[in-house]
Amino acid sequence: MSTVSINEIKKELVNLSHAQLSNVCLLLAKYKKDNKELLAYILFQSDDRAGYIERVKRETDEKFKNINSSNLYFAKKSIRKILRDLNKHIRYTSSKETEVELLMYFCQELKNSGIPIHKSVALNNLYKSQIKKIEKTIALFHEDLQHDYSKIMETL
């Protein structure tokens, strides 16, 4: 089965009735967890960006508390999973400010976790790549925002 372009899908969705559109959304949510989470974000949480960020930060805190730090290998796997989940939440919002805030929070929590990231090349590279990603995104902001975020970045 071949996939069609987004433009073709958009044209077809315009022609659907309200009930048909509702059924399509429910069908998408039914078969994939990510689709269900995205739909839930759009319907219930997209209006309150600050509240959403706080919920994601609380989830991240819980995940950092549950990291198995007895072995650096297990810690590395857990940290990668936390970052994957964080990136998924960032994709849902499609907001650069949210991306910067959440990634900065991740880096701060990673630093405060007590896990010796400097002993693992992979973890050290992961941390540095997130810092570069934050800096690259901050460069796109207005000068005032750049200044505010740059002050916070100095601590990282």
Protein backbone atom coordinates (compact mmCIF):
# COMPACT_ATOMS: atom_id res chain seq x y z
CA MET A 1 0.00 0.00 0.00
CA SER A 2 1.44 3.35 -0.99
CA THR A 3 1.26 6.45 1.17
CA VAL A 4 -0.24 9.67 -0.08
CA SER A 5 1.03 13.16 0.55
CA ILE A 6 -0.13 15.36 3.40
CA ASN A 7 -1.64 17.75 0.89
CA GLU A 8 -3.85 14.99 -0.55
CA ILE A 9 -4.92 13.92 2.94
CA LYS A 10 -5.76 17.53 3.80
CA LYS A 11 -7.92 17.89 0.68
CA GLU A 12 -9.77 14.68 1.50
CA LEU A 13 -10.32 15.65 5.16
CA VAL A 14 -11.95 18.91 4.09
CA ASN A 15 -14.59 16.90 2.24
CA LEU A 16 -15.53 14.75 5.25
CA SER A 17 -18.51 15.46 7.44
CA HIS A 18 -18.13 16.18 11.18
CA ALA A 19 -19.13 12.64 12.13
CA GLN A 20 -16.76 11.06 9.60
CA LEU A 21 -13.91 13.27 10.79
CA SER A 22 -14.61 12.28 14.37
CA ASN A 23 -14.53 8.60 13.42
CA VAL A 24 -11.22 9.03 11.59
CA CYS A 25 -9.66 10.67 14.68
CA LEU A 26 -10.93 7.92 16.96
CA LEU A 27 -9.67 5.26 14.59
CA LEU A 28 -6.21 6.84 14.56
CA ALA A 29 -6.18 7.06 18.36
CA LYS A 30 -7.30 3.46 18.68
CA TYR A 31 -4.36 1.88 16.90
CA LYS A 32 -1.34 3.79 18.16
CA LYS A 33 -0.51 5.08 21.62
CA ASP A 34 1.39 8.11 20.27
CA ASN A 35 -1.64 9.16 18.22
CA LYS A 36 -3.83 8.86 21.30
CA GLU A 37 -1.43 10.93 23.38
CA LEU A 38 -1.17 13.60 20.67
CA LEU A 39 -4.94 13.78 20.34
CA ALA A 40 -5.29 14.07 24.13
CA TYR A 41 -2.73 16.88 24.15
CA ILE A 42 -4.52 18.76 21.37
CA LEU A 43 -7.96 18.39 22.94
CA PHE A 44 -7.22 18.86 26.63
CA GLN A 45 -3.80 20.38 27.25
CA SER A 46 -2.79 22.62 24.35
CA ASP A 47 -4.50 25.67 25.88
CA ASP A 48 -2.38 25.56 29.06
CA ARG A 49 1.26 25.47 27.90
CA ALA A 50 2.72 26.29 31.34
CA GLY A 51 0.63 23.59 33.02
CA TYR A 52 1.67 21.07 30.40
CA ILE A 53 5.34 21.90 30.91
CA GLU A 54 4.94 21.46 34.67
CA ARG A 55 3.28 18.06 34.22
CA VAL A 56 6.07 16.91 31.91
CA LYS A 57 8.68 18.16 34.41
CA ARG A 58 6.98 16.21 37.23
CA GLU A 59 6.97 13.07 35.07
CA THR A 60 10.66 13.63 34.32
CA ASP A 61 11.40 14.04 38.04
CA GLU A 62 9.74 10.71 38.77
CA LYS A 63 11.70 9.00 36.02
CA PHE A 64 14.98 10.43 37.30
CA LYS A 65 14.15 9.17 40.80
CA ASN A 66 13.61 5.66 39.44
CA ILE A 67 16.91 5.44 37.54
CA ASN A 68 18.93 2.36 38.38
CA SER A 69 22.26 4.04 39.07
CA SER A 70 23.98 0.89 40.39
CA ASN A 71 25.46 0.33 36.95
CA LEU A 72 26.33 3.05 34.43
CA TYR A 73 24.96 0.89 31.60
CA PHE A 74 21.47 0.77 33.15
CA ALA A 75 21.60 4.46 34.00
CA LYS A 76 22.48 5.26 30.40
CA LYS A 77 19.52 3.24 29.10
CA SER A 78 17.15 4.98 31.51
CA ILE A 79 18.45 8.43 30.61
CA ARG A 80 17.99 7.74 26.91
CA LYS A 81 14.41 6.61 27.56
CA ILE A 82 13.71 9.79 29.54
CA LEU A 83 15.09 11.87 26.67
CA ARG A 84 13.00 9.95 24.12
CA ASP A 85 9.84 10.63 26.13
CA LEU A 86 10.79 14.27 26.55
CA ASN A 87 11.34 14.67 22.81
CA LYS A 88 7.93 13.12 22.17
CA HIS A 89 6.30 15.73 24.41
CA ILE A 90 8.29 18.46 22.66
CA ARG A 91 7.03 17.24 19.28
CA TYR A 92 3.44 17.43 20.51
CA THR A 93 3.74 21.11 21.40
CA SER A 94 5.81 22.11 18.35
CA SER A 95 6.95 25.16 20.31
CA LYS A 96 10.58 26.23 20.41
CA GLU A 97 10.19 27.83 23.86
CA THR A 98 8.81 24.59 25.25
CA GLU A 99 11.66 22.68 23.62
CA VAL A 100 14.27 24.92 25.25
CA GLU A 101 12.61 24.83 28.67
CA LEU A 102 12.23 21.06 28.73
CA LEU A 103 15.70 20.32 27.39
CA MET A 104 17.27 22.74 29.86
CA TYR A 105 15.33 21.04 32.63
CA PHE A 106 16.54 17.65 31.42
CA CYS A 107 20.16 18.80 31.40
CA GLN A 108 19.81 20.33 34.85
CA GLU A 109 18.26 17.15 36.26
CA LEU A 110 20.95 15.03 34.61
CA LYS A 111 23.60 17.19 36.21
CA ASN A 112 21.90 17.03 39.62
CA SER A 113 21.23 13.28 39.45
CA GLY A 114 24.66 12.35 40.75
CA ILE A 115 25.28 10.01 37.83
CA PRO A 116 28.91 10.36 36.73
CA ILE A 117 28.22 11.34 33.12
CA HIS A 118 31.88 12.28 32.61
CA LYS A 119 32.83 8.60 33.04
CA SER A 120 30.71 7.52 30.08
CA VAL A 121 31.58 8.81 26.63
CA ALA A 122 28.04 8.13 25.42
CA LEU A 123 26.40 10.03 28.30
CA ASN A 124 28.86 12.88 28.00
CA ASN A 125 28.14 13.14 24.26
CA LEU A 126 24.40 12.95 24.90
CA TYR A 127 24.65 15.83 27.39
CA LYS A 128 26.79 17.93 25.05
CA SER A 129 24.48 17.30 22.09
CA GLN A 130 21.48 18.49 24.12
CA ILE A 131 23.40 21.64 25.09
CA LYS A 132 24.21 22.28 21.41
CA LYS A 133 20.58 21.69 20.47
CA ILE A 134 19.44 24.20 23.11
CA GLU A 135 21.97 26.80 21.96
CA LYS A 136 20.96 26.35 18.34
CA THR A 137 17.29 26.85 19.22
CA ILE A 138 17.99 29.85 21.46
CA ALA A 139 19.75 31.53 18.52
CA LEU A 140 16.38 31.66 16.72
CA PHE A 141 14.69 33.67 19.51
CA HIS A 142 14.31 37.40 19.98
CA GLU A 143 17.29 39.15 21.62
CA ASP A 144 15.55 39.57 24.98
CA LEU A 145 14.66 35.89 25.19
CA GLN A 146 18.17 34.97 24.03
CA HIS A 147 19.62 36.99 26.89
CA ASP A 148 17.30 35.42 29.48
CA TYR A 149 17.96 31.86 28.33
CA SER A 150 21.72 32.49 27.97
CA LYS A 151 21.92 33.35 31.66
CA ILE A 152 20.30 30.05 32.53
CA MET A 153 22.57 28.21 30.07
CA GLU A 154 25.66 29.44 31.92
CA THR A 155 24.76 27.18 34.84
CA LEU A 156 24.62 24.16 32.56
